[in-house]
Amino acid sequence: MAPTRISQQFCAPDADITISSSDGVLFKVHRRNLETHSGIFAAAADATRPENGDEPVELSETADVLEILFQFMYPQPQPDLRTMDFKTFAELAEAAEKYMLYSALTLCRLTMKDSISTHPLEVLVYAQRHGHINLVNEAAQQSMGCGVACALEILPPDTFRAWILFYERWHRETVKSLGYLATFPKHVSLMQKCTADPNPACTFRKELDEAGGWSQTIREMKFMTDPKIARIQYNILRPSPPASVLRPLFSF
């Protein structure tokens, strides 16, 4: 059995709770800090009191993730999420959502938005899992330049089925719009750039908008519809929508 390791950064001598990472590192921290910054730890306060035993509380996150997570629970300079590798950051963002870590949630979501250009499929999975509708739709549109094989590897099965339908319609509408613009000689240079790009509708959005004739359909395409809006629209025709309408809906 590997010897127990203790975090060098979180090893307070007056700590009143010990957290164990999934890879066996112990973090000696203060329960009040956890309860103050995390909605989940605040709700589970009774379960972590000293009188309930001094056994470490085991979490499913690795030490690398917890090391960053706990930094948001103490009065100290916060880590720069933009400088860490995306895999670690994505795990941190999931942990922030899981534990309702208020001091990190907004920063993680903004950093996820900034990561769309380089990791659109991963951001799509994160945003869909946590119901961030605008982020879902932006990531889905940017992911239209990704290969189908790559999407199949990254996306959960249900999401991939919805994605491939969106992919087919998105590119069909793109071809239709570019075909119309190609009839105007003044757009030859723009068309040459578009034909060399896997997702011109996003890459050259501004230029295509200025050129005119861009498909209204593709402008309004959404991968996921806000469930509140879907419910209102449905109630116009149906007074009692089924439970499925209340959940986030895919929209093509």
Protein backbone atom coordinates (compact mmCIF):
# COMPACT_ATOMS: atom_id res chain seq x y z
CA MET A 1 0.00 0.00 0.00
CA ALA A 2 1.39 3.39 -1.02
CA PRO A 3 2.25 5.73 1.86
CA THR A 4 -0.29 8.46 2.61
CA ARG A 5 0.64 11.87 1.28
CA ILE A 6 -0.44 15.19 2.77
CA SER A 7 -0.88 18.31 0.68
CA GLN A 8 1.93 20.77 1.34
CA GLN A 9 -0.34 23.74 0.69
CA PHE A 10 -3.34 22.56 2.73
CA CYS A 11 -2.01 21.08 5.94
CA ALA A 12 -3.24 23.51 8.59
CA PRO A 13 -2.31 22.38 12.14
CA ASP A 14 -5.66 23.66 13.43
CA ALA A 15 -7.68 22.00 10.64
CA ASP A 16 -10.93 20.40 11.76
CA ILE A 17 -11.65 18.28 8.68
CA THR A 18 -9.52 16.08 6.43
CA ILE A 19 -10.37 15.56 2.78
CA SER A 20 -8.98 12.62 0.83
CA SER A 21 -8.56 12.85 -2.93
CA SER A 22 -9.26 9.93 -5.25
CA ASP A 23 -5.50 9.34 -5.59
CA GLY A 24 -4.86 9.24 -1.85
CA VAL A 25 -3.67 12.74 -0.97
CA LEU A 26 -4.97 14.23 2.30
CA PHE A 27 -6.00 17.87 2.64
CA LYS A 28 -6.28 19.26 6.18
CA VAL A 29 -8.62 22.20 5.86
CA HIS A 30 -11.16 24.22 7.83
CA ARG A 31 -14.76 23.16 7.78
CA ARG A 32 -15.98 26.76 8.04
CA ASN A 33 -14.19 27.71 4.82
CA LEU A 34 -15.78 24.79 2.98
CA GLU A 35 -19.24 25.55 4.32
CA THR A 36 -18.93 29.26 3.53
CA HIS A 37 -17.92 28.83 -0.10
CA SER A 38 -19.65 25.60 -1.11
CA GLY A 39 -23.38 25.07 -1.18
CA ILE A 40 -22.89 21.30 -0.98
CA PHE A 41 -20.56 21.38 2.02
CA ALA A 42 -22.88 23.86 3.74
CA ALA A 43 -25.81 21.49 3.27
CA ALA A 44 -23.74 18.55 4.56
CA ALA A 45 -22.34 20.39 7.59
CA ASP A 46 -23.70 17.94 10.17
CA ALA A 47 -22.08 15.01 8.42
CA THR A 48 -18.62 16.57 8.64
CA ARG A 49 -18.61 17.61 12.30
CA PRO A 50 -15.75 16.24 14.44
CA GLU A 51 -18.13 14.37 16.75
CA ASN A 52 -19.15 12.22 13.81
CA GLY A 53 -15.67 10.77 13.58
CA ASP A 54 -12.25 11.88 12.37
CA GLU A 55 -12.14 9.69 9.28
CA PRO A 56 -11.19 11.61 6.11
CA VAL A 57 -14.03 12.64 3.83
CA GLU A 58 -13.32 10.93 0.51
CA LEU A 59 -13.98 12.87 -2.69
CA SER A 60 -13.86 11.59 -6.26
CA GLU A 61 -11.58 14.35 -7.58
CA THR A 62 -7.80 13.98 -7.94
CA ALA A 63 -5.34 15.88 -5.78
CA ASP A 64 -4.45 18.22 -8.66
CA VAL A 65 -8.07 19.33 -8.94
CA LEU A 66 -8.67 19.64 -5.19
CA GLU A 67 -5.47 21.65 -4.80
CA ILE A 68 -6.95 24.28 -7.11
CA LEU A 69 -10.49 23.94 -5.77
CA PHE A 70 -9.50 24.70 -2.20
CA GLN A 71 -7.61 27.82 -3.29
CA PHE A 72 -11.00 29.37 -4.05
CA MET A 73 -12.09 28.74 -0.46
CA TYR A 74 -9.31 30.72 1.22
CA PRO A 75 -8.38 34.43 1.18
CA GLN A 76 -5.42 34.22 -1.18
CA PRO A 77 -4.61 35.00 -4.82
CA GLN A 78 -6.76 32.86 -7.08
CA PRO A 79 -5.25 30.60 -9.76
CA ASP A 80 -5.17 31.75 -13.37
CA LEU A 81 -7.41 29.23 -15.09
CA ARG A 82 -6.21 30.32 -18.53
CA THR A 83 -2.72 28.96 -17.91
CA MET A 84 -3.64 25.39 -16.93
CA ASP A 85 -4.08 22.50 -19.34
CA PHE A 86 -7.65 22.07 -20.52
CA LYS A 87 -8.14 18.59 -19.02
CA THR A 88 -7.35 19.81 -15.51
CA PHE A 89 -9.42 22.93 -16.01
CA ALA A 90 -12.41 20.91 -17.28
CA GLU A 91 -12.24 18.67 -14.20
CA LEU A 92 -12.07 21.77 -11.99
CA ALA A 93 -15.11 23.29 -13.73
CA GLU A 94 -17.05 20.07 -13.16
CA ALA A 95 -16.04 20.07 -9.49
CA ALA A 96 -17.07 23.72 -9.10
CA GLU A 97 -20.52 22.87 -10.47
CA LYS A 98 -20.77 19.70 -8.40
CA TYR A 99 -19.93 21.38 -5.09
CA MET A 100 -21.64 24.69 -5.94
CA LEU A 101 -18.38 26.55 -5.38
CA TYR A 102 -19.73 30.07 -5.76
CA SER A 103 -16.36 31.84 -5.87
CA ALA A 104 -15.28 29.77 -8.90
CA LEU A 105 -18.49 29.13 -10.85
CA THR A 106 -18.64 32.35 -12.86
CA LEU A 107 -14.91 32.32 -13.63
CA CYS A 108 -15.10 28.70 -14.80
CA ARG A 109 -18.05 29.44 -17.06
CA LEU A 110 -16.31 32.46 -18.58
CA THR A 111 -13.14 30.44 -19.14
CA MET A 112 -15.21 27.69 -20.74
CA LYS A 113 -16.64 30.28 -23.10
CA ASP A 114 -13.12 31.42 -23.98
CA SER A 115 -12.19 27.77 -24.67
CA ILE A 116 -14.88 27.23 -27.30
CA SER A 117 -12.56 28.02 -30.18
CA THR A 118 -10.10 25.28 -29.17
CA HIS A 119 -12.35 22.72 -27.42
CA PRO A 120 -15.91 23.22 -28.76
CA LEU A 121 -17.03 19.62 -28.23
CA GLU A 122 -15.78 19.44 -24.65
CA VAL A 123 -17.41 22.77 -23.84
CA LEU A 124 -20.62 21.51 -25.42
CA VAL A 125 -20.65 18.49 -23.10
CA TYR A 126 -19.99 20.64 -20.04
CA ALA A 127 -22.59 23.27 -20.95
CA GLN A 128 -25.29 20.72 -21.78
CA ARG A 129 -24.67 18.78 -18.55
CA HIS A 130 -25.18 21.91 -16.46
CA GLY A 131 -27.92 23.57 -18.50
CA HIS A 132 -26.01 26.61 -19.78
CA ILE A 133 -28.18 27.12 -22.86
CA ASN A 134 -26.33 30.01 -24.52
CA LEU A 135 -22.99 28.29 -24.03
CA VAL A 136 -24.42 25.07 -25.48
CA ASN A 137 -25.56 26.78 -28.65
CA GLU A 138 -22.35 28.75 -29.15
CA ALA A 139 -20.22 25.65 -28.63
CA ALA A 140 -22.44 23.59 -30.95
CA GLN A 141 -22.08 26.11 -33.77
CA GLN A 142 -18.30 26.30 -33.34
CA SER A 143 -18.10 22.49 -33.29
CA MET A 144 -19.49 22.30 -36.81
CA GLY A 145 -15.90 22.44 -38.03
CA CYS A 146 -15.00 19.26 -36.13
CA GLY A 147 -14.90 15.85 -37.75
CA VAL A 148 -17.64 13.31 -37.15
CA ALA A 149 -15.15 10.75 -35.81
CA CYS A 150 -13.88 13.24 -33.25
CA ALA A 151 -17.43 14.08 -32.15
CA LEU A 152 -18.26 10.39 -31.82
CA GLU A 153 -15.29 9.93 -29.51
CA ILE A 154 -16.05 12.91 -27.24
CA LEU A 155 -19.82 13.30 -27.12
CA PRO A 156 -22.15 11.05 -25.08
CA PRO A 157 -24.35 8.85 -27.33
CA ASP A 158 -27.56 10.89 -26.95
CA THR A 159 -25.72 14.15 -27.53
CA PHE A 160 -23.94 12.73 -30.56
CA ARG A 161 -27.23 11.68 -32.14
CA ALA A 162 -28.56 15.20 -31.72
CA TRP A 163 -25.24 16.68 -32.88
CA ILE A 164 -25.12 14.71 -36.13
CA LEU A 165 -28.60 15.91 -37.07
CA PHE A 166 -27.62 19.49 -36.29
CA TYR A 167 -24.36 18.99 -38.24
CA GLU A 168 -26.21 17.78 -41.33
CA ARG A 169 -28.67 20.68 -41.33
CA TRP A 170 -26.02 23.29 -40.52
CA HIS A 171 -23.82 22.31 -43.44
CA ARG A 172 -26.77 21.92 -45.80
CA GLU A 173 -27.84 25.48 -45.02
CA THR A 174 -24.24 26.69 -45.32
CA VAL A 175 -23.89 25.20 -48.81
CA LYS A 176 -27.22 26.73 -49.82
CA SER A 177 -26.19 30.20 -48.64
CA LEU A 178 -22.74 30.02 -50.20
CA GLY A 179 -24.30 28.87 -53.47
CA TYR A 180 -26.43 31.99 -53.53
CA LEU A 181 -23.52 34.33 -52.75
CA ALA A 182 -21.39 32.66 -55.43
CA THR A 183 -23.68 34.16 -58.07
CA PHE A 184 -22.24 37.60 -57.28
CA PRO A 185 -18.78 38.20 -58.82
CA LYS A 186 -17.87 40.74 -56.11
CA HIS A 187 -17.87 37.94 -53.53
CA VAL A 188 -15.32 35.72 -55.32
CA SER A 189 -12.55 36.41 -52.80
CA LEU A 190 -14.83 35.68 -49.85
CA MET A 191 -16.10 32.49 -51.47
CA GLN A 192 -12.55 31.24 -51.98
CA LYS A 193 -11.85 31.67 -48.26
CA CYS A 194 -15.12 30.00 -47.32
CA THR A 195 -14.58 26.93 -49.47
CA ALA A 196 -11.21 26.32 -47.79
CA ASP A 197 -12.68 26.47 -44.28
CA PRO A 198 -14.51 23.57 -42.53
CA ASN A 199 -16.96 25.92 -40.82
CA PRO A 200 -17.19 29.20 -42.77
CA ALA A 201 -20.52 30.12 -41.18
CA CYS A 202 -18.62 30.77 -37.91
CA THR A 203 -15.16 31.71 -39.15
CA PHE A 204 -16.41 34.36 -41.57
CA ARG A 205 -19.68 35.23 -39.86
CA LYS A 206 -19.12 38.99 -39.98
CA GLU A 207 -18.01 39.03 -43.62
CA LEU A 208 -20.90 36.82 -44.67
CA ASP A 209 -23.38 38.99 -42.81
CA GLU A 210 -22.00 42.08 -44.52
CA ALA A 211 -22.18 40.34 -47.91
CA GLY A 212 -25.91 39.81 -47.48
CA GLY A 213 -28.02 36.88 -48.54
CA TRP A 214 -26.94 34.76 -45.59
CA SER A 215 -29.57 32.19 -44.70
CA GLN A 216 -32.00 33.36 -42.02
CA THR A 217 -32.41 29.70 -41.11
CA ILE A 218 -28.75 29.28 -40.19
CA ARG A 219 -28.78 32.56 -38.27
CA GLU A 220 -31.53 31.22 -36.02
CA MET A 221 -30.43 27.58 -35.68
CA LYS A 222 -30.09 26.41 -32.09
CA PHE A 223 -28.78 23.12 -30.80
CA MET A 224 -30.73 23.41 -27.56
CA THR A 225 -33.87 25.36 -26.77
CA ASP A 226 -34.42 27.04 -23.43
CA PRO A 227 -36.99 24.80 -21.65
CA LYS A 228 -38.90 27.84 -20.34
CA ILE A 229 -39.37 29.19 -23.86
CA ALA A 230 -40.28 25.73 -25.14
CA ARG A 231 -42.90 25.41 -22.42
CA ILE A 232 -44.46 28.78 -23.28
CA GLN A 233 -44.56 27.93 -26.98
CA TYR A 234 -46.06 24.53 -26.26
CA ASN A 235 -48.73 25.95 -23.96
CA ILE A 236 -50.06 28.10 -26.78
CA LEU A 237 -51.32 24.88 -28.33
CA ARG A 238 -51.43 22.49 -25.35
CA PRO A 239 -52.67 23.49 -21.89
CA SER A 240 -50.88 20.62 -20.09
CA PRO A 241 -47.43 19.81 -21.54
CA PRO A 242 -45.84 16.47 -20.70
CA ALA A 243 -42.83 16.34 -18.38
CA SER A 244 -40.44 15.90 -21.32
CA VAL A 245 -41.20 19.42 -22.51
CA LEU A 246 -39.94 20.80 -19.21
CA ARG A 247 -36.44 19.50 -19.85
CA PRO A 248 -33.89 21.20 -22.15
CA LEU A 249 -34.88 20.39 -25.71
CA PHE A 250 -32.76 19.83 -28.76
CA SER A 251 -33.85 22.09 -31.60
CA PHE A 252 -32.93 21.72 -35.23
